[in-house]
PDB file of N, CA and C in Angstrom:
ATOM      1  N   UNK A   1       0.838  -1.224   0.190  1.00  0.00           N
ATOM      2  CA  UNK A   1       0.054  -0.066  -0.063  1.00  0.00           C
ATOM      3  C   UNK A   1       0.969   1.387  -0.178  1.00  0.00           C
ATOM      4  N   UNK A   2       2.185   1.284   0.456  1.00  0.00           N
ATOM      5  CA  UNK A   2       2.769   2.493   0.577  1.00  0.00           C
ATOM      6  C   UNK A   2       3.787   2.550   1.848  1.00  0.00           C
ATOM      7  N   UNK A   3       4.737   3.451   1.649  1.00  0.00           N
ATOM      8  CA  UNK A   3       5.857   3.317   2.909  1.00  0.00           C
ATOM      9  C   UNK A   3       6.044   4.845   3.284  1.00  0.00           C
ATOM     10  N   UNK A   4       6.875   4.678   4.719  1.00  0.00           N
ATOM     11  CA  UNK A   4       6.940   6.076   5.757  1.00  0.00           C
ATOM     12  C   UNK A   4       8.480   6.465   4.702  1.00  0.00           C
ATOM     13  N   UNK A   5       8.685   7.535   4.673  1.00  0.00           N
ATOM     14  CA  UNK A   5       9.956   8.304   4.510  1.00  0.00           C
ATOM     15  C   UNK A   5       9.739   9.677   5.295  1.00  0.00           C
ATOM     16  N   UNK A   6      10.837   9.795   6.397  1.00  0.00           N
ATOM     17  CA  UNK A   6      10.723  10.459   6.877  1.00  0.00           C
ATOM     18  C   UNK A   6       9.555  11.378   7.605  1.00  0.00           C
ATOM     19  N   UNK A   7       8.757  10.564   8.063  1.00  0.00           N
ATOM     20  CA  UNK A   7       7.737  10.778   8.972  1.00  0.00           C
ATOM     21  C   UNK A   7       6.601  11.403   7.655  1.00  0.00           C
ATOM     22  N   UNK A   8       6.974  11.224   6.057  1.00  0.00           N
ATOM     23  CA  UNK A   8       5.751  11.385   5.103  1.00  0.00           C
ATOM     24  C   UNK A   8       5.617  10.121   4.697  1.00  0.00           C
ATOM     25  N   UNK A   9       4.101  10.045   4.434  1.00  0.00           N
ATOM     26  CA  UNK A   9       3.230   8.640   3.608  1.00  0.00           C
ATOM     27  C   UNK A   9       3.448   8.935   2.582  1.00  0.00           C
ATOM     28  N   UNK A  10       3.948   8.016   1.576  1.00  0.00           N
ATOM     29  CA  UNK A  10       3.624   7.842  -0.113  1.00  0.00           C
ATOM     30  C   UNK A  10       3.102   6.142  -0.414  1.00  0.00           C
ATOM     31  N   UNK A  11       2.406   6.785  -1.220  1.00  0.00           N
ATOM     32  CA  UNK A  11       0.885   5.602  -1.230  1.00  0.00           C
ATOM     33  C   UNK A  11       2.031   4.666  -2.702  1.00  0.00           C
ATOM     34  N   UNK A  12       1.827   3.713  -2.643  1.00  0.00           N
ATOM     35  CA  UNK A  12       2.281   2.904  -3.531  1.00  0.00           C
ATOM     36  C   UNK A  12       0.868   1.868  -4.451  1.00  0.00           C
ATOM     37  N   UNK A  13       0.650   2.628  -5.701  1.00  0.00           N
ATOM     38  CA  UNK A  13      -0.915   2.291  -6.262  1.00  0.00           C
ATOM     39  C   UNK A  13      -0.784   1.198  -7.425  1.00  0.00           C
ATOM     40  N   UNK A  14       0.300   0.250  -7.154  1.00  0.00           N
ATOM     41  CA  UNK A  14       0.512  -0.768  -8.323  1.00  0.00           C
ATOM     42  C   UNK A  14      -0.335  -2.011  -8.230  1.00  0.00           C
ATOM     43  N   UNK A  15      -1.422  -2.110  -9.322  1.00  0.00           N
ATOM     44  CA  UNK A  15      -2.448  -3.088  -9.224  1.00  0.00           C
ATOM     45  C   UNK A  15      -1.630  -4.359  -9.816  1.00  0.00           C
ATOM     46  N   UNK A  16      -2.334  -5.166  -9.475  1.00  0.00           N
ATOM     47  CA  UNK A  16      -2.256  -6.784  -9.737  1.00  0.00           C
ATOM     48  C   UNK A  16      -2.139  -7.016 -11.467  1.00  0.00           C
ATOM     49  N   UNK A  17      -3.375  -6.266 -12.100  1.00  0.00           N
ATOM     50  CA  UNK A  17      -3.829  -6.636 -13.253  1.00  0.00           C
ATOM     51  C   UNK A  17      -4.300  -5.178 -14.155  1.00  0.00           C
ATOM     52  N   UNK A  18      -4.355  -5.216 -14.869  1.00  0.00           N
ATOM     53  CA  UNK A  18      -4.527  -3.967 -15.680  1.00  0.00           C
ATOM     54  C   UNK A  18      -6.322  -3.623 -15.233  1.00  0.00           C
ATOM     55  N   UNK A  19      -6.450  -2.185 -15.776  1.00  0.00           N
ATOM     56  CA  UNK A  19      -8.029  -1.809 -15.110  1.00  0.00           C
ATOM     57  C   UNK A  19      -8.938  -2.261 -16.380  1.00  0.00           C
ATOM     58  N   UNK A  20     -10.093  -2.808 -16.126  1.00  0.00           N
ATOM     59  CA  UNK A  20     -11.385  -2.998 -17.478  1.00  0.00           C
ATOM     60  C   UNK A  20     -11.851  -1.458 -17.666  1.00  0.00           C
ATOM     61  N   UNK A  21     -11.995  -0.816 -18.335  1.00  0.00           N
ATOM     62  CA  UNK A  21     -12.472   0.553 -19.319  1.00  0.00           C
ATOM     63  C   UNK A  21     -13.224   0.918 -18.197  1.00  0.00           C
ATOM     64  N   UNK A  22     -13.987   0.515 -17.419  1.00  0.00           N
ATOM     65  CA  UNK A  22     -15.012   1.249 -16.430  1.00  0.00           C
ATOM     66  C   UNK A  22     -14.334   1.516 -15.276  1.00  0.00           C
ATOM     67  N   UNK A  23     -13.650   0.795 -14.809  1.00  0.00           N
ATOM     68  CA  UNK A  23     -12.506   0.872 -13.786  1.00  0.00           C
ATOM     69  C   UNK A  23     -11.424   2.202 -13.408  1.00  0.00           C
ATOM     70  N   UNK A  24     -11.224   2.449 -15.022  1.00  0.00           N
ATOM     71  CA  UNK A  24     -10.241   3.838 -15.167  1.00  0.00           C
ATOM     72  C   UNK A  24     -10.752   4.540 -14.390  1.00  0.00           C
ATOM     73  N   UNK A  25     -12.015   5.447 -14.259  1.00  0.00           N
ATOM     74  CA  UNK A  25     -12.547   6.575 -14.404  1.00  0.00           C
ATOM     75  C   UNK A  25     -12.320   6.364 -12.303  1.00  0.00           C
ATOM     76  N   UNK A  26     -12.596   5.409 -11.985  1.00  0.00           N
ATOM     77  CA  UNK A  26     -12.893   4.855 -10.268  1.00  0.00           C
ATOM     78  C   UNK A  26     -11.609   5.090  -9.930  1.00  0.00           C
ATOM     79  N   UNK A  27     -10.393   4.721 -10.573  1.00  0.00           N
ATOM     80  CA  UNK A  27      -9.215   4.633  -9.981  1.00  0.00           C
ATOM     81  C   UNK A  27      -8.782   6.125  -9.919  1.00  0.00           C
ATOM     82  N   UNK A  28      -9.158   7.096 -11.144  1.00  0.00           N
ATOM     83  CA  UNK A  28      -8.764   8.297 -10.884  1.00  0.00           C
ATOM     84  C   UNK A  28      -9.286   8.859  -9.492  1.00  0.00           C
ATOM     85  N   UNK A  29     -10.722   8.749  -9.298  1.00  0.00           N
ATOM     86  CA  UNK A  29     -11.255   9.453  -8.349  1.00  0.00           C
ATOM     87  C   UNK A  29     -10.593   9.006  -7.010  1.00  0.00           C
ATOM     88  N   UNK A  30     -10.294   7.840  -6.877  1.00  0.00           N
ATOM     89  CA  UNK A  30      -9.830   7.186  -5.690  1.00  0.00           C
ATOM     90  C   UNK A  30      -8.196   8.284  -5.739  1.00  0.00           C
ATOM     91  N   UNK A  31      -7.519   8.398  -6.652  1.00  0.00           N
ATOM     92  CA  UNK A  31      -6.388   8.904  -6.476  1.00  0.00           C
ATOM     93  C   UNK A  31      -6.287  10.636  -6.272  1.00  0.00           C
ATOM     94  N   UNK A  32      -7.437  10.968  -6.711  1.00  0.00           N
ATOM     95  CA  UNK A  32      -7.952  12.375  -6.622  1.00  0.00           C
ATOM     96  C   UNK A  32      -8.149  12.442  -4.872  1.00  0.00           C
ATOM     97  N   UNK A  33      -8.859  11.414  -4.380  1.00  0.00           N
ATOM     98  CA  UNK A  33      -9.144  11.657  -2.768  1.00  0.00           C
ATOM     99  C   UNK A  33      -7.860  11.896  -1.813  1.00  0.00           C
ATOM    100  N   UNK A  34      -7.263  10.932  -2.220  1.00  0.00           N
ATOM    101  CA  UNK A  34      -5.914  10.854  -1.672  1.00  0.00           C
ATOM    102  C   UNK A  34      -4.953  11.910  -1.866  1.00  0.00           C
ATOM    103  N   UNK A  35      -5.016  12.667  -2.857  1.00  0.00           N
ATOM    104  CA  UNK A  35      -3.950  13.467  -3.241  1.00  0.00           C
ATOM    105  C   UNK A  35      -3.449  14.821  -2.360  1.00  0.00           C
ATOM    106  N   UNK A  36      -4.648  15.208  -1.463  1.00  0.00           N
ATOM    107  CA  UNK A  36      -4.534  16.304  -0.577  1.00  0.00           C
ATOM    108  C   UNK A  36      -4.493  16.223   0.498  1.00  0.00           C
ATOM    109  N   UNK A  37      -4.438  14.932   0.817  1.00  0.00           N
ATOM    110  CA  UNK A  37      -4.588  14.095   2.106  1.00  0.00           C
ATOM    111  C   UNK A  37      -3.073  13.729   2.697  1.00  0.00           C
ATOM    112  N   UNK A  38      -2.646  13.601   3.910  1.00  0.00           N
ATOM    113  CA  UNK A  38      -1.586  13.489   4.583  1.00  0.00           C
ATOM    114  C   UNK A  38      -1.755  12.532   5.564  1.00  0.00           C
ATOM    115  N   UNK A  39      -0.549  11.716   6.014  1.00  0.00           N
ATOM    116  CA  UNK A  39      -1.134  10.860   7.444  1.00  0.00           C
ATOM    117  C   UNK A  39       0.011  11.554   7.771  1.00  0.00           C
ATOM    118  N   UNK A  40       0.097  10.917   9.563  1.00  0.00           N
ATOM    119  CA  UNK A  40       0.680  11.180  10.592  1.00  0.00           C
ATOM    120  C   UNK A  40       1.274  10.180  11.385  1.00  0.00           C
ATOM    121  N   UNK A  41       2.602   9.929  11.054  1.00  0.00           N
ATOM    122  CA  UNK A  41       2.697   8.627  11.651  1.00  0.00           C
ATOM    123  C   UNK A  41       2.661   8.731  13.525  1.00  0.00           C
ATOM    124  N   UNK A  42       3.324  10.062  14.063  1.00  0.00           N
ATOM    125  CA  UNK A  42       2.749   9.927  15.136  1.00  0.00           C
ATOM    126  C   UNK A  42       1.151  10.112  15.911  1.00  0.00           C
ATOM    127  N   UNK A  43       0.568   9.550  15.246  1.00  0.00           N
ATOM    128  CA  UNK A  43      -1.137   9.869  15.180  1.00  0.00           C
ATOM    129  C   UNK A  43      -1.999   8.446  15.226  1.00  0.00           C
ATOM    130  N   UNK A  44      -2.272   8.129  16.140  1.00  0.00           N
ATOM    131  CA  UNK A  44      -3.393   6.865  16.187  1.00  0.00           C
ATOM    132  C   UNK A  44      -4.599   6.973  15.993  1.00  0.00           C
ATOM    133  N   UNK A  45      -5.169   6.872  15.127  1.00  0.00           N
ATOM    134  CA  UNK A  45      -6.828   7.217  15.065  1.00  0.00           C
ATOM    135  C   UNK A  45      -7.428   5.486  15.260  1.00  0.00           C
ATOM    136  N   UNK A  46      -8.769   5.819  15.915  1.00  0.00           N
ATOM    137  CA  UNK A  46      -9.888   5.180  16.015  1.00  0.00           C
ATOM    138  C   UNK A  46     -11.240   5.256  16.191  1.00  0.00           C
ATOM    139  N   UNK A  47     -11.797   4.436  15.738  1.00  0.00           N
ATOM    140  CA  UNK A  47     -13.500   4.440  16.090  1.00  0.00           C
ATOM    141  C   UNK A  47     -13.821   4.200  17.825  1.00  0.00           C
ATOM    142  N   UNK A  48     -14.807   4.942  18.351  1.00  0.00           N
ATOM    143  CA  UNK A  48     -15.187   4.545  19.510  1.00  0.00           C
ATOM    144  C   UNK A  48     -16.956   4.281  19.084  1.00  0.00           C
ATOM    145  N   UNK A  49     -17.626   3.389  19.820  1.00  0.00           N
ATOM    146  CA  UNK A  49     -19.268   3.060  20.109  1.00  0.00           C
ATOM    147  C   UNK A  49     -19.143   3.179  21.173  1.00  0.00           C
ATOM    148  N   UNK A  50     -20.151   4.296  21.657  1.00  0.00           N
ATOM    149  CA  UNK A  50     -21.081   4.653  22.611  1.00  0.00           C
ATOM    150  C   UNK A  50     -22.353   4.510  22.793  1.00  0.00           C
ATOM    151  N   UNK A  51     -22.626   3.950  24.100  1.00  0.00           N
ATOM    152  CA  UNK A  51     -23.924   4.024  24.523  1.00  0.00           C
ATOM    153  C   UNK A  51     -24.696   4.964  25.001  1.00  0.00           C
ATOM    154  N   UNK A  52     -25.952   5.365  24.753  1.00  0.00           N
ATOM    155  CA  UNK A  52     -26.497   6.397  25.585  1.00  0.00           C
ATOM    156  C   UNK A  52     -27.573   6.211  26.205  1.00  0.00           C
ATOM    157  N   UNK A  53     -28.130   6.917  26.952  1.00  0.00           N
ATOM    158  CA  UNK A  53     -28.891   6.510  28.188  1.00  0.00           C
ATOM    159  C   UNK A  53     -30.534   6.161  27.098  1.00  0.00           C
ATOM    160  N   UNK A  54     -30.763   5.746  26.233  1.00  0.00           N
ATOM    161  CA  UNK A  54     -31.514   5.371  25.554  1.00  0.00           C
ATOM    162  C   UNK A  54     -31.065   3.904  25.144  1.00  0.00           C
ATOM    163  N   UNK A  55     -30.298   3.431  25.094  1.00  0.00           N
ATOM    164  CA  UNK A  55     -29.530   2.362  25.014  1.00  0.00           C
ATOM    165  C   UNK A  55     -29.224   2.161  23.215  1.00  0.00           C
ATOM    166  N   UNK A  56     -28.707   3.777  22.619  1.00  0.00           N
ATOM    167  CA  UNK A  56     -28.932   3.749  21.269  1.00  0.00           C
ATOM    168  C   UNK A  56     -27.204   3.926  20.914  1.00  0.00           C
ATOM    169  N   UNK A  57     -26.861   3.295  19.968  1.00  0.00           N
ATOM    170  CA  UNK A  57     -24.959   3.495  19.352  1.00  0.00           C
ATOM    171  C   UNK A  57     -24.696   4.719  18.614  1.00  0.00           C
ATOM    172  N   UNK A  58     -23.968   5.595  18.911  1.00  0.00           N
ATOM    173  CA  UNK A  58     -23.380   6.272  18.124  1.00  0.00           C
ATOM    174  C   UNK A  58     -21.859   6.681  18.048  1.00  0.00           C
ATOM    175  N   UNK A  59     -21.509   6.659  17.015  1.00  0.00           N
ATOM    176  CA  UNK A  59     -19.772   6.477  16.408  1.00  0.00           C
ATOM    177  C   UNK A  59     -19.296   8.070  16.603  1.00  0.00           C
ATOM    178  N   UNK A  60     -17.933   7.626  17.239  1.00  0.00           N
ATOM    179  CA  UNK A  60     -17.409   8.941  17.096  1.00  0.00           C
ATOM    180  C   UNK A  60     -15.735   8.538  16.794  1.00  0.00           C
ATOM    181  N   UNK A  61     -15.199   9.427  15.814  1.00  0.00           N
ATOM    182  CA  UNK A  61     -13.912   9.507  15.659  1.00  0.00           C
ATOM    183  C   UNK A  61     -12.861  10.037  16.433  1.00  0.00           C
ATOM    184  N   UNK A  62     -12.027   9.234  16.864  1.00  0.00           N
ATOM    185  CA  UNK A  62     -10.865   9.820  17.501  1.00  0.00           C
ATOM    186  C   UNK A  62      -9.610   9.371  17.477  1.00  0.00           C
ATOM    187  N   UNK A  63      -8.598  10.683  17.495  1.00  0.00           N
ATOM    188  CA  UNK A  63      -7.213  10.173  17.254  1.00  0.00           C
ATOM    189  C   UNK A  63      -6.314  10.766  18.674  1.00  0.00           C
ATOM    190  N   UNK A  64      -5.325  10.401  18.786  1.00  0.00           N
ATOM    191  CA  UNK A  64      -4.134  10.599  19.815  1.00  0.00           C
ATOM    192  C   UNK A  64      -2.980  11.064  19.062  1.00  0.00           C
ATOM    193  N   UNK A  65      -2.392  11.931  19.662  1.00  0.00           N
ATOM    194  CA  UNK A  65      -0.804  11.558  19.226  1.00  0.00           C
ATOM    195  C   UNK A  65       0.127  10.688  20.518  1.00  0.00           C
ATOM    196  N   UNK A  66       0.885  10.048  19.550  1.00  0.00           N
ATOM    197  CA  UNK A  66       1.795   9.413  20.453  1.00  0.00           C
ATOM    198  C   UNK A  66       3.115   9.825  20.930  1.00  0.00           C
TER     199      UNK A  66
END
């Protein structure tokens, strides 16, 4: 999927096969989603499920600096 180099993540988008014609646009969209995003090696991300007083669950995204 990728590698770290001096606290910067580099994506490795090598695929095992060539794309079907209908997949080319989807791969382009995926590439655009990741272009302006940066990962931080020192940050641990997680999802938290919490039950409220009505016994319903909600999801919260959380992170902490390691």
